[in-house]
Amino acid sequence: MSRCENKENKSDMAIAMRISTVSIIWNVVLSLAKLLAGVIASSSAMISDAVHSASDVLSTIIVIIGIRISGRASDKKHQYGHDRFECVASIILADLLFLTGCGIGYSGIKIIAHGNYGDLKVPGILALIAAIVSIVVKEGMFWYTRAGAKKINSGALMADAWHHRSDALSSVGAFIGILGARLGFPVLDPIASIVICLFILKAAFDIFKDALDKMVDSSCDEKTVNEISSAISEIPGVCHTDSIMTRQFGNKAYVDVEIAVNPDMSLEKAHSIAENVHHTIETDFPAVKHCMVHVNPYHGNQQ
């Protein structure tokens, strides 16, 4: 690993750690406040929402561990680096979200199945206030974490951002349920717990699918491939781009390119063009960890 690459990894790590620390602090405060509000105001929806926020603390810790391991330099046993450990962290996060969602959904269904809605306590105004505060804070955390994830191209951090968004949406569900219960429909409170469950399960599925795609060498999106192709075509000496293959590797990507050059030029000149392609792609596309270039002779009939 070059000094420049190592410096970039340290910078990315510092950003991820700062965002994760802020997330943990806010989630601890918010989950305790929502739990207290839920107990005092007799709201099952708010208690469920507090459990969701508490799970965010564990998920952020998993993200920290995943990013730290994935940031390690290549070694003899892992010659392509440790980037996929970030995907492992995302999959663990998705599993935790799934279990959390199932638990919250089960509690809501059990209350509804009981049937005696008249026995349900009407949630207090404190639960309603807690829901509003949670929506504002968690939506803010979503945008804050999302910006950091985009800056360092971190799948695990982006998963954590969507965890914040799912928490904000679940708080919207809690708000509607609590408000409905206070307006004379107490069954809406446990129904809100089921709605929260669905939001969480959807977030878990999306996170799991994204991590899985990055672990099974899925190609980059078409837009990125087209941009790479355009960049190569502008490099002097490249007569044609015969082939471009990409594969995602954790939060990075590998690119394999076949270019065609004038068959009459020297090997040294052809190698120089290939080196130019290699450096251009790795410089202009920060998500590309390595670009392998193969040179073919150009005969004017490539398609």
C-alpha atoms as a PDB file:
ATOM      1  CA  MET A   1       0.000   0.000   0.000  1.00  0.00           C
ATOM      2  CA  SER A   2       1.383   3.413  -1.014  1.00  0.00           C
ATOM      3  CA  ARG A   3       1.842   6.267   1.458  1.00  0.00           C
ATOM      4  CA  CYS A   4      -0.853   8.262  -0.333  1.00  0.00           C
ATOM      5  CA  GLU A   5      -3.315   5.358  -0.131  1.00  0.00           C
ATOM      6  CA  ASN A   6      -2.476   4.762   3.514  1.00  0.00           C
ATOM      7  CA  LYS A   7      -3.011   8.461   4.293  1.00  0.00           C
ATOM      8  CA  GLU A   8      -6.379   8.373   2.496  1.00  0.00           C
ATOM      9  CA  ASN A   9      -7.454   5.299   4.498  1.00  0.00           C
ATOM     10  CA  LYS A  10      -6.543   7.021   7.764  1.00  0.00           C
ATOM     11  CA  SER A  11      -8.536  10.098   6.754  1.00  0.00           C
ATOM     12  CA  ASP A  12     -11.566   7.957   5.846  1.00  0.00           C
ATOM     13  CA  MET A  13     -11.228   6.081   9.124  1.00  0.00           C
ATOM     14  CA  ALA A  14     -11.186   9.350  11.086  1.00  0.00           C
ATOM     15  CA  ILE A  15     -14.386  10.515   9.347  1.00  0.00           C
ATOM     16  CA  ALA A  16     -16.122   7.177   9.997  1.00  0.00           C
ATOM     17  CA  MET A  17     -15.080   7.146  13.665  1.00  0.00           C
ATOM     18  CA  ARG A  18     -16.276  10.731  14.216  1.00  0.00           C
ATOM     19  CA  ILE A  19     -19.669  10.027  12.663  1.00  0.00           C
ATOM     20  CA  SER A  20     -20.037   6.739  14.539  1.00  0.00           C
ATOM     21  CA  THR A  21     -19.193   8.357  17.874  1.00  0.00           C
ATOM     22  CA  VAL A  22     -21.798  11.069  17.314  1.00  0.00           C
ATOM     23  CA  SER A  23     -24.339   8.372  16.347  1.00  0.00           C
ATOM     24  CA  ILE A  24     -23.705   6.334  19.489  1.00  0.00           C
ATOM     25  CA  ILE A  25     -24.052   9.350  21.796  1.00  0.00           C
ATOM     26  CA  TRP A  26     -27.310  10.509  20.211  1.00  0.00           C
ATOM     27  CA  ASN A  27     -28.782   6.997  20.098  1.00  0.00           C
ATOM     28  CA  VAL A  28     -28.034   6.317  23.764  1.00  0.00           C
ATOM     29  CA  VAL A  29     -29.645   9.598  24.829  1.00  0.00           C
ATOM     30  CA  LEU A  30     -32.593   9.166  22.468  1.00  0.00           C
ATOM     31  CA  SER A  31     -33.327   5.525  23.328  1.00  0.00           C
ATOM     32  CA  LEU A  32     -33.295   6.252  27.074  1.00  0.00           C
ATOM     33  CA  ALA A  33     -35.538   9.306  26.613  1.00  0.00           C
ATOM     34  CA  LYS A  34     -38.018   7.377  24.437  1.00  0.00           C
ATOM     35  CA  LEU A  35     -38.072   4.403  26.801  1.00  0.00           C
ATOM     36  CA  LEU A  36     -38.778   6.702  29.753  1.00  0.00           C
ATOM     37  CA  ALA A  37     -41.477   8.539  27.792  1.00  0.00           C
ATOM     38  CA  GLY A  38     -43.030   5.256  26.670  1.00  0.00           C
ATOM     39  CA  VAL A  39     -43.210   3.868  30.223  1.00  0.00           C
ATOM     40  CA  ILE A  40     -44.499   7.086  31.806  1.00  0.00           C
ATOM     41  CA  ALA A  41     -47.014   7.749  28.987  1.00  0.00           C
ATOM     42  CA  SER A  42     -48.076   4.059  28.683  1.00  0.00           C
ATOM     43  CA  SER A  43     -47.242   3.782  24.959  1.00  0.00           C
ATOM     44  CA  SER A  44     -46.239   0.391  23.525  1.00  0.00           C
ATOM     45  CA  ALA A  45     -45.408   2.093  20.216  1.00  0.00           C
ATOM     46  CA  MET A  46     -42.942   4.450  21.915  1.00  0.00           C
ATOM     47  CA  ILE A  47     -41.351   1.588  23.877  1.00  0.00           C
ATOM     48  CA  SER A  48     -40.957  -0.330  20.588  1.00  0.00           C
ATOM     49  CA  ASP A  49     -39.425   2.759  19.020  1.00  0.00           C
ATOM     50  CA  ALA A  50     -37.000   3.025  21.966  1.00  0.00           C
ATOM     51  CA  VAL A  51     -35.883  -0.586  21.369  1.00  0.00           C
ATOM     52  CA  HIS A  52     -35.260   0.290  17.716  1.00  0.00           C
ATOM     53  CA  SER A  53     -33.083   3.253  18.719  1.00  0.00           C
ATOM     54  CA  ALA A  54     -31.179   1.094  21.213  1.00  0.00           C
ATOM     55  CA  SER A  55     -30.435  -1.417  18.455  1.00  0.00           C
ATOM     56  CA  ASP A  56     -28.822   1.454  16.529  1.00  0.00           C
ATOM     57  CA  VAL A  57     -26.100   1.634  19.189  1.00  0.00           C
ATOM     58  CA  LEU A  58     -25.131  -1.992  18.607  1.00  0.00           C
ATOM     59  CA  SER A  59     -25.318  -1.574  14.844  1.00  0.00           C
ATOM     60  CA  THR A  60     -22.981   1.435  14.943  1.00  0.00           C
ATOM     61  CA  ILE A  61     -20.467  -0.548  17.010  1.00  0.00           C
ATOM     62  CA  ILE A  62     -20.597  -3.287  14.363  1.00  0.00           C
ATOM     63  CA  VAL A  63     -20.023  -0.655  11.669  1.00  0.00           C
ATOM     64  CA  ILE A  64     -16.962   0.648  13.548  1.00  0.00           C
ATOM     65  CA  ILE A  65     -15.488  -2.854  13.796  1.00  0.00           C
ATOM     66  CA  GLY A  66     -16.206  -3.580  10.126  1.00  0.00           C
ATOM     67  CA  ILE A  67     -14.654  -0.329   8.886  1.00  0.00           C
ATOM     68  CA  ARG A  68     -11.573  -0.784  11.092  1.00  0.00           C
ATOM     69  CA  ILE A  69     -10.933  -4.307   9.773  1.00  0.00           C
ATOM     70  CA  SER A  70     -11.667  -3.389   6.143  1.00  0.00           C
ATOM     71  CA  GLY A  71      -9.189  -0.500   6.411  1.00  0.00           C
ATOM     72  CA  ARG A  72      -6.259  -2.772   7.209  1.00  0.00           C
ATOM     73  CA  ALA A  73      -3.446  -2.985   4.670  1.00  0.00           C
ATOM     74  CA  SER A  74      -3.009  -6.016   2.432  1.00  0.00           C
ATOM     75  CA  ASP A  75      -1.012  -8.870   3.923  1.00  0.00           C
ATOM     76  CA  LYS A  76       0.306 -12.260   2.829  1.00  0.00           C
ATOM     77  CA  LYS A  77      -2.952 -14.022   3.679  1.00  0.00           C
ATOM     78  CA  HIS A  78      -5.236 -11.297   2.266  1.00  0.00           C
ATOM     79  CA  GLN A  79      -3.356 -10.007  -0.769  1.00  0.00           C
ATOM     80  CA  TYR A  80      -6.401  -8.141  -2.115  1.00  0.00           C
ATOM     81  CA  GLY A  81      -7.003  -6.361   1.176  1.00  0.00           C
ATOM     82  CA  HIS A  82      -9.802  -6.662   3.737  1.00  0.00           C
ATOM     83  CA  ASP A  83     -12.517  -4.554   2.056  1.00  0.00           C
ATOM     84  CA  ARG A  84     -15.152  -7.283   2.170  1.00  0.00           C
ATOM     85  CA  PHE A  85     -15.173  -7.254   5.966  1.00  0.00           C
ATOM     86  CA  GLU A  86     -17.271  -4.104   5.636  1.00  0.00           C
ATOM     87  CA  CYS A  87     -19.865  -6.195   3.775  1.00  0.00           C
ATOM     88  CA  VAL A  88     -19.765  -8.736   6.603  1.00  0.00           C
ATOM     89  CA  ALA A  89     -20.536  -5.906   9.048  1.00  0.00           C
ATOM     90  CA  SER A  90     -23.475  -4.826   6.862  1.00  0.00           C
ATOM     91  CA  ILE A  91     -24.879  -8.363   6.759  1.00  0.00           C
ATOM     92  CA  ILE A  92     -24.643  -8.674  10.548  1.00  0.00           C
ATOM     93  CA  LEU A  93     -26.379  -5.294  10.813  1.00  0.00           C
ATOM     94  CA  ALA A  94     -29.156  -6.490   8.486  1.00  0.00           C
ATOM     95  CA  ASP A  95     -29.646  -9.635  10.613  1.00  0.00           C
ATOM     96  CA  LEU A  96     -29.914  -7.549  13.786  1.00  0.00           C
ATOM     97  CA  LEU A  97     -32.427  -5.247  12.134  1.00  0.00           C
ATOM     98  CA  PHE A  98     -34.468  -8.251  11.009  1.00  0.00           C
ATOM     99  CA  LEU A  99     -34.592  -9.746  14.505  1.00  0.00           C
ATOM    100  CA  THR A 100     -35.443  -6.356  16.025  1.00  0.00           C
ATOM    101  CA  GLY A 101     -38.270  -5.877  13.540  1.00  0.00           C
ATOM    102  CA  CYS A 102     -39.695  -9.343  14.172  1.00  0.00           C
ATOM    103  CA  GLY A 103     -39.653  -8.779  17.938  1.00  0.00           C
ATOM    104  CA  ILE A 104     -41.446  -5.432  17.655  1.00  0.00           C
ATOM    105  CA  GLY A 105     -44.009  -6.850  15.218  1.00  0.00           C
ATOM    106  CA  TYR A 106     -44.714  -9.832  17.464  1.00  0.00           C
ATOM    107  CA  SER A 107     -45.402  -7.611  20.493  1.00  0.00           C
ATOM    108  CA  GLY A 108     -47.887  -5.521  18.474  1.00  0.00           C
ATOM    109  CA  ILE A 109     -49.676  -8.572  17.068  1.00  0.00           C
ATOM    110  CA  LYS A 110     -49.931 -10.126  20.535  1.00  0.00           C
ATOM    111  CA  ILE A 111     -51.637  -6.996  21.932  1.00  0.00           C
ATOM    112  CA  ILE A 112     -54.096  -6.848  19.008  1.00  0.00           C
ATOM    113  CA  ALA A 113     -54.831 -10.589  19.246  1.00  0.00           C
ATOM    114  CA  HIS A 114     -55.727 -10.112  22.907  1.00  0.00           C
ATOM    115  CA  GLY A 115     -58.809  -8.242  21.698  1.00  0.00           C
ATOM    116  CA  ASN A 116     -59.722  -6.229  24.800  1.00  0.00           C
ATOM    117  CA  TYR A 117     -58.897  -2.830  23.344  1.00  0.00           C
ATOM    118  CA  GLY A 118     -60.813  -1.129  26.120  1.00  0.00           C
ATOM    119  CA  ASP A 119     -58.137  -2.347  28.541  1.00  0.00           C
ATOM    120  CA  LEU A 120     -55.428  -0.531  26.599  1.00  0.00           C
ATOM    121  CA  LYS A 121     -54.215   2.631  28.251  1.00  0.00           C
ATOM    122  CA  VAL A 122     -54.397   5.853  26.285  1.00  0.00           C
ATOM    123  CA  PRO A 123     -50.809   7.117  25.719  1.00  0.00           C
ATOM    124  CA  GLY A 124     -49.915  10.374  27.437  1.00  0.00           C
ATOM    125  CA  ILE A 125     -48.867  13.610  25.730  1.00  0.00           C
ATOM    126  CA  LEU A 126     -45.234  12.922  26.691  1.00  0.00           C
ATOM    127  CA  ALA A 127     -45.103  10.006  24.208  1.00  0.00           C
ATOM    128  CA  LEU A 128     -46.341  12.283  21.446  1.00  0.00           C
ATOM    129  CA  ILE A 129     -43.633  14.864  22.184  1.00  0.00           C
ATOM    130  CA  ALA A 130     -40.966  12.129  22.300  1.00  0.00           C
ATOM    131  CA  ALA A 131     -42.066  10.890  18.860  1.00  0.00           C
ATOM    132  CA  ILE A 132     -41.715  14.387  17.342  1.00  0.00           C
ATOM    133  CA  VAL A 133     -38.252  14.867  18.870  1.00  0.00           C
ATOM    134  CA  SER A 134     -37.196  11.433  17.600  1.00  0.00           C
ATOM    135  CA  ILE A 135     -38.340  12.187  14.041  1.00  0.00           C
ATOM    136  CA  VAL A 136     -36.319  15.411  13.928  1.00  0.00           C
ATOM    137  CA  VAL A 137     -33.157  13.955  15.514  1.00  0.00           C
ATOM    138  CA  LYS A 138     -33.107  10.693  13.530  1.00  0.00           C
ATOM    139  CA  GLU A 139     -33.781  12.389  10.208  1.00  0.00           C
ATOM    140  CA  GLY A 140     -30.900  14.762  10.962  1.00  0.00           C
ATOM    141  CA  MET A 141     -28.665  11.798  11.802  1.00  0.00           C
ATOM    142  CA  PHE A 142     -29.641  10.154   8.517  1.00  0.00           C
ATOM    143  CA  TRP A 143     -28.455  13.112   6.433  1.00  0.00           C
ATOM    144  CA  TYR A 144     -25.324  13.564   8.549  1.00  0.00           C
ATOM    145  CA  THR A 145     -24.304   9.903   8.292  1.00  0.00           C
ATOM    146  CA  ARG A 146     -25.297   9.657   4.621  1.00  0.00           C
ATOM    147  CA  ALA A 147     -23.054  12.603   3.718  1.00  0.00           C
ATOM    148  CA  GLY A 148     -20.102  10.953   5.468  1.00  0.00           C
ATOM    149  CA  ALA A 149     -20.789   7.575   3.847  1.00  0.00           C
ATOM    150  CA  LYS A 150     -20.817   9.173   0.388  1.00  0.00           C
ATOM    151  CA  LYS A 151     -17.621  11.083   1.113  1.00  0.00           C
ATOM    152  CA  ILE A 152     -15.636   7.940   2.002  1.00  0.00           C
ATOM    153  CA  ASN A 153     -17.720   5.518  -0.128  1.00  0.00           C
ATOM    154  CA  SER A 154     -18.597   3.283   2.834  1.00  0.00           C
ATOM    155  CA  GLY A 155     -21.344   0.692   2.411  1.00  0.00           C
ATOM    156  CA  ALA A 156     -21.456  -0.106   6.129  1.00  0.00           C
ATOM    157  CA  LEU A 157     -21.757   3.578   7.062  1.00  0.00           C
ATOM    158  CA  MET A 158     -24.477   4.017   4.439  1.00  0.00           C
ATOM    159  CA  ALA A 159     -26.307   1.040   5.973  1.00  0.00           C
ATOM    160  CA  ASP A 160     -26.096   2.785   9.333  1.00  0.00           C
ATOM    161  CA  ALA A 161     -27.511   5.942   7.734  1.00  0.00           C
ATOM    162  CA  TRP A 162     -30.534   4.010   6.490  1.00  0.00           C
ATOM    163  CA  HIS A 163     -30.873   2.536   9.953  1.00  0.00           C
ATOM    164  CA  HIS A 164     -31.315   6.126  11.170  1.00  0.00           C
ATOM    165  CA  ARG A 165     -33.880   6.769   8.423  1.00  0.00           C
ATOM    166  CA  SER A 166     -35.824   3.614   9.331  1.00  0.00           C
ATOM    167  CA  ASP A 167     -35.848   4.833  12.932  1.00  0.00           C
ATOM    168  CA  ALA A 168     -37.199   8.225  11.813  1.00  0.00           C
ATOM    169  CA  LEU A 169     -39.930   6.507   9.792  1.00  0.00           C
ATOM    170  CA  SER A 170     -40.792   4.224  12.684  1.00  0.00           C
ATOM    171  CA  SER A 171     -41.143   7.320  14.873  1.00  0.00           C
ATOM    172  CA  VAL A 172     -43.611   8.694  12.313  1.00  0.00           C
ATOM    173  CA  GLY A 173     -45.571   5.454  12.706  1.00  0.00           C
ATOM    174  CA  ALA A 174     -45.368   5.777  16.489  1.00  0.00           C
ATOM    175  CA  PHE A 175     -46.602   9.385  16.288  1.00  0.00           C
ATOM    176  CA  ILE A 176     -49.621   8.386  14.187  1.00  0.00           C
ATOM    177  CA  GLY A 177     -50.424   5.466  16.487  1.00  0.00           C
ATOM    178  CA  ILE A 178     -50.117   7.534  19.660  1.00  0.00           C
ATOM    179  CA  LEU A 179     -52.161  10.392  18.200  1.00  0.00           C
ATOM    180  CA  GLY A 180     -54.862   7.962  17.060  1.00  0.00           C
ATOM    181  CA  ALA A 181     -54.976   6.338  20.482  1.00  0.00           C
ATOM    182  CA  ARG A 182     -55.363   9.751  22.129  1.00  0.00           C
ATOM    183  CA  LEU A 183     -58.228  10.547  19.732  1.00  0.00           C
ATOM    184  CA  GLY A 184     -60.146   7.500  20.921  1.00  0.00           C
ATOM    185  CA  PHE A 185     -58.664   4.623  18.926  1.00  0.00           C
ATOM    186  CA  PRO A 186     -56.270   2.842  21.369  1.00  0.00           C
ATOM    187  CA  VAL A 187     -55.763  -0.094  18.994  1.00  0.00           C
ATOM    188  CA  LEU A 188     -53.787   2.237  16.697  1.00  0.00           C
ATOM    189  CA  ASP A 189     -50.901   2.219  19.212  1.00  0.00           C
ATOM    190  CA  PRO A 190     -50.061  -1.506  18.774  1.00  0.00           C
ATOM    191  CA  ILE A 191     -50.868  -1.229  15.053  1.00  0.00           C
ATOM    192  CA  ALA A 192     -48.156   1.425  14.883  1.00  0.00           C
ATOM    193  CA  SER A 193     -45.725  -1.168  16.298  1.00  0.00           C
ATOM    194  CA  ILE A 194     -46.535  -3.466  13.370  1.00  0.00           C
ATOM    195  CA  VAL A 195     -45.991  -0.605  10.893  1.00  0.00           C
ATOM    196  CA  ILE A 196     -42.633   0.061  12.562  1.00  0.00           C
ATOM    197  CA  CYS A 197     -41.814  -3.635  12.135  1.00  0.00           C
ATOM    198  CA  LEU A 198     -42.452  -3.448   8.375  1.00  0.00           C
ATOM    199  CA  PHE A 199     -40.190  -0.407   7.988  1.00  0.00           C
ATOM    200  CA  ILE A 200     -37.401  -2.196   9.851  1.00  0.00           C
ATOM    201  CA  LEU A 201     -37.747  -5.402   7.817  1.00  0.00           C
ATOM    202  CA  LYS A 202     -37.613  -3.405   4.560  1.00  0.00           C
ATOM    203  CA  ALA A 203     -34.415  -1.645   5.695  1.00  0.00           C
ATOM    204  CA  ALA A 204     -32.901  -5.003   6.707  1.00  0.00           C
ATOM    205  CA  PHE A 205     -33.645  -6.504   3.286  1.00  0.00           C
ATOM    206  CA  ASP A 206     -32.140  -3.537   1.389  1.00  0.00           C
ATOM    207  CA  ILE A 207     -28.968  -3.558   3.489  1.00  0.00           C
ATOM    208  CA  PHE A 208     -28.556  -7.336   3.130  1.00  0.00           C
ATOM    209  CA  LYS A 209     -29.061  -7.231  -0.654  1.00  0.00           C
ATOM    210  CA  ASP A 210     -26.539  -4.398  -1.135  1.00  0.00           C
ATOM    211  CA  ALA A 211     -23.893  -6.197   0.965  1.00  0.00           C
ATOM    212  CA  LEU A 212     -24.502  -9.495  -0.827  1.00  0.00           C
ATOM    213  CA  ASP A 213     -24.120  -7.858  -4.250  1.00  0.00           C
ATOM    214  CA  LYS A 214     -20.714  -6.526  -3.188  1.00  0.00           C
ATOM    215  CA  MET A 215     -19.584  -9.937  -1.959  1.00  0.00           C
ATOM    216  CA  VAL A 216     -20.457 -11.912  -5.091  1.00  0.00           C
ATOM    217  CA  ASP A 217     -18.522  -9.730  -7.562  1.00  0.00           C
ATOM    218  CA  SER A 218     -21.507  -7.872  -9.005  1.00  0.00           C
ATOM    219  CA  SER A 219     -20.533  -5.394 -11.709  1.00  0.00           C
ATOM    220  CA  CYS A 220     -20.620  -1.640 -11.240  1.00  0.00           C
ATOM    221  CA  ASP A 221     -23.654   0.291 -12.428  1.00  0.00           C
ATOM    222  CA  GLU A 222     -23.975   1.093 -16.132  1.00  0.00           C
ATOM    223  CA  LYS A 223     -23.373   4.814 -15.607  1.00  0.00           C
ATOM    224  CA  THR A 224     -19.989   4.185 -13.950  1.00  0.00           C
ATOM    225  CA  VAL A 225     -18.943   1.735 -16.684  1.00  0.00           C
ATOM    226  CA  ASN A 226     -19.861   4.263 -19.396  1.00  0.00           C
ATOM    227  CA  GLU A 227     -17.890   6.998 -17.619  1.00  0.00           C
ATOM    228  CA  ILE A 228     -14.845   4.715 -17.410  1.00  0.00           C
ATOM    229  CA  SER A 229     -15.188   3.874 -21.114  1.00  0.00           C
ATOM    230  CA  SER A 230     -15.372   7.569 -22.025  1.00  0.00           C
ATOM    231  CA  ALA A 231     -12.302   8.365 -19.942  1.00  0.00           C
ATOM    232  CA  ILE A 232     -10.311   5.619 -21.674  1.00  0.00           C
ATOM    233  CA  SER A 233     -11.356   6.744 -25.161  1.00  0.00           C
ATOM    234  CA  GLU A 234      -9.885  10.204 -24.493  1.00  0.00           C
ATOM    235  CA  ILE A 235      -6.420   8.851 -23.658  1.00  0.00           C
ATOM    236  CA  PRO A 236      -3.907   9.425 -26.507  1.00  0.00           C
ATOM    237  CA  GLY A 237      -2.856   6.230 -28.265  1.00  0.00           C
ATOM    238  CA  VAL A 238      -5.978   4.201 -27.452  1.00  0.00           C
ATOM    239  CA  CYS A 239      -7.575   3.230 -30.772  1.00  0.00           C
ATOM    240  CA  HIS A 240     -10.417   1.190 -29.305  1.00  0.00           C
ATOM    241  CA  THR A 241     -11.697  -0.219 -26.020  1.00  0.00           C
ATOM    242  CA  ASP A 242     -12.247  -3.921 -26.709  1.00  0.00           C
ATOM    243  CA  SER A 243     -13.603  -4.913 -23.311  1.00  0.00           C
ATOM    244  CA  ILE A 244     -14.440  -3.530 -19.857  1.00  0.00           C
ATOM    245  CA  MET A 245     -15.260  -5.771 -16.927  1.00  0.00           C
ATOM    246  CA  THR A 246     -15.912  -4.500 -13.405  1.00  0.00           C
ATOM    247  CA  ARG A 247     -16.556  -6.162 -10.063  1.00  0.00           C
ATOM    248  CA  GLN A 248     -17.395  -4.708  -6.701  1.00  0.00           C
ATOM    249  CA  PHE A 249     -15.128  -5.702  -3.841  1.00  0.00           C
ATOM    250  CA  GLY A 250     -16.536  -4.381  -0.576  1.00  0.00           C
ATOM    251  CA  ASN A 251     -16.782  -0.609  -0.961  1.00  0.00           C
ATOM    252  CA  LYS A 252     -14.197  -0.638  -3.765  1.00  0.00           C
ATOM    253  CA  ALA A 253     -14.198  -1.875  -7.361  1.00  0.00           C
ATOM    254  CA  TYR A 254     -11.787  -3.718  -9.637  1.00  0.00           C
ATOM    255  CA  VAL A 255     -11.647  -2.923 -13.368  1.00  0.00           C
ATOM    256  CA  ASP A 256     -10.259  -5.172 -16.117  1.00  0.00           C
ATOM    257  CA  VAL A 257      -9.814  -3.406 -19.467  1.00  0.00           C
ATOM    258  CA  GLU A 258      -8.671  -4.543 -22.903  1.00  0.00           C
ATOM    259  CA  ILE A 259      -7.533  -1.727 -25.164  1.00  0.00           C
ATOM    260  CA  ALA A 260      -6.404  -1.803 -28.799  1.00  0.00           C
ATOM    261  CA  VAL A 261      -3.378   0.209 -29.979  1.00  0.00           C
ATOM    262  CA  ASN A 262      -1.425   0.647 -33.202  1.00  0.00           C
ATOM    263  CA  PRO A 263       0.205  -2.752 -33.881  1.00  0.00           C
ATOM    264  CA  ASP A 264       3.306  -1.074 -35.366  1.00  0.00           C
ATOM    265  CA  MET A 265       4.300   0.807 -32.205  1.00  0.00           C
ATOM    266  CA  SER A 266       7.029  -0.481 -29.887  1.00  0.00           C
ATOM    267  CA  LEU A 267       6.279  -2.602 -26.825  1.00  0.00           C
ATOM    268  CA  GLU A 268       7.608   0.195 -24.633  1.00  0.00           C
ATOM    269  CA  LYS A 269       5.202   2.727 -26.193  1.00  0.00           C
ATOM    270  CA  ALA A 270       2.228   0.333 -25.884  1.00  0.00           C
ATOM    271  CA  HIS A 271       3.146  -0.287 -22.255  1.00  0.00           C
ATOM    272  CA  SER A 272       3.287   3.459 -21.629  1.00  0.00           C
ATOM    273  CA  ILE A 273      -0.262   3.880 -22.998  1.00  0.00           C
ATOM    274  CA  ALA A 274      -1.483   1.008 -20.812  1.00  0.00           C
ATOM    275  CA  GLU A 275       0.134   2.632 -17.778  1.00  0.00           C
ATOM    276  CA  ASN A 276      -1.605   5.898 -18.636  1.00  0.00           C
ATOM    277  CA  VAL A 277      -4.971   4.117 -18.774  1.00  0.00           C
ATOM    278  CA  HIS A 278      -4.232   2.395 -15.460  1.00  0.00           C
ATOM    279  CA  HIS A 279      -3.337   5.608 -13.617  1.00  0.00           C
ATOM    280  CA  THR A 280      -6.139   7.646 -15.180  1.00  0.00           C
ATOM    281  CA  ILE A 281      -8.873   5.229 -14.072  1.00  0.00           C
ATOM    282  CA  GLU A 282      -7.501   4.834 -10.553  1.00  0.00           C
ATOM    283  CA  THR A 283      -7.066   8.609 -10.178  1.00  0.00           C
ATOM    284  CA  ASP A 284     -10.342   9.806 -11.730  1.00  0.00           C
ATOM    285  CA  PHE A 285     -12.470   7.114 -10.077  1.00  0.00           C
ATOM    286  CA  PRO A 286     -11.651   6.963  -6.327  1.00  0.00           C
ATOM    287  CA  ALA A 287     -13.886   3.893  -5.857  1.00  0.00           C
ATOM    288  CA  VAL A 288     -11.611   1.875  -8.179  1.00  0.00           C
ATOM    289  CA  LYS A 289      -9.035   0.046  -6.099  1.00  0.00           C
ATOM    290  CA  HIS A 290      -7.146  -1.438  -9.051  1.00  0.00           C
ATOM    291  CA  CYS A 291      -7.333  -1.272 -12.847  1.00  0.00           C
ATOM    292  CA  MET A 292      -5.750  -4.074 -14.887  1.00  0.00           C
ATOM    293  CA  VAL A 293      -5.028  -3.204 -18.535  1.00  0.00           C
ATOM    294  CA  HIS A 294      -4.431  -5.702 -21.363  1.00  0.00           C
ATOM    295  CA  VAL A 295      -3.173  -4.452 -24.750  1.00  0.00           C
ATOM    296  CA  ASN A 296      -4.345  -5.823 -28.119  1.00  0.00           C
ATOM    297  CA  PRO A 297      -3.195  -4.869 -31.643  1.00  0.00           C
ATOM    298  CA  TYR A 298      -5.720  -2.664 -33.451  1.00  0.00           C
ATOM    299  CA  HIS A 299      -6.788  -3.893 -36.916  1.00  0.00           C
ATOM    300  CA  GLY A 300      -9.586  -1.437 -37.570  1.00  0.00           C
ATOM    301  CA  ASN A 301     -12.424  -3.961 -37.338  1.00  0.00           C
ATOM    302  CA  GLN A 302     -13.111  -4.083 -33.609  1.00  0.00           C
ATOM    303  CA  GLN A 303     -16.787  -3.837 -32.654  1.00  0.00           C
END
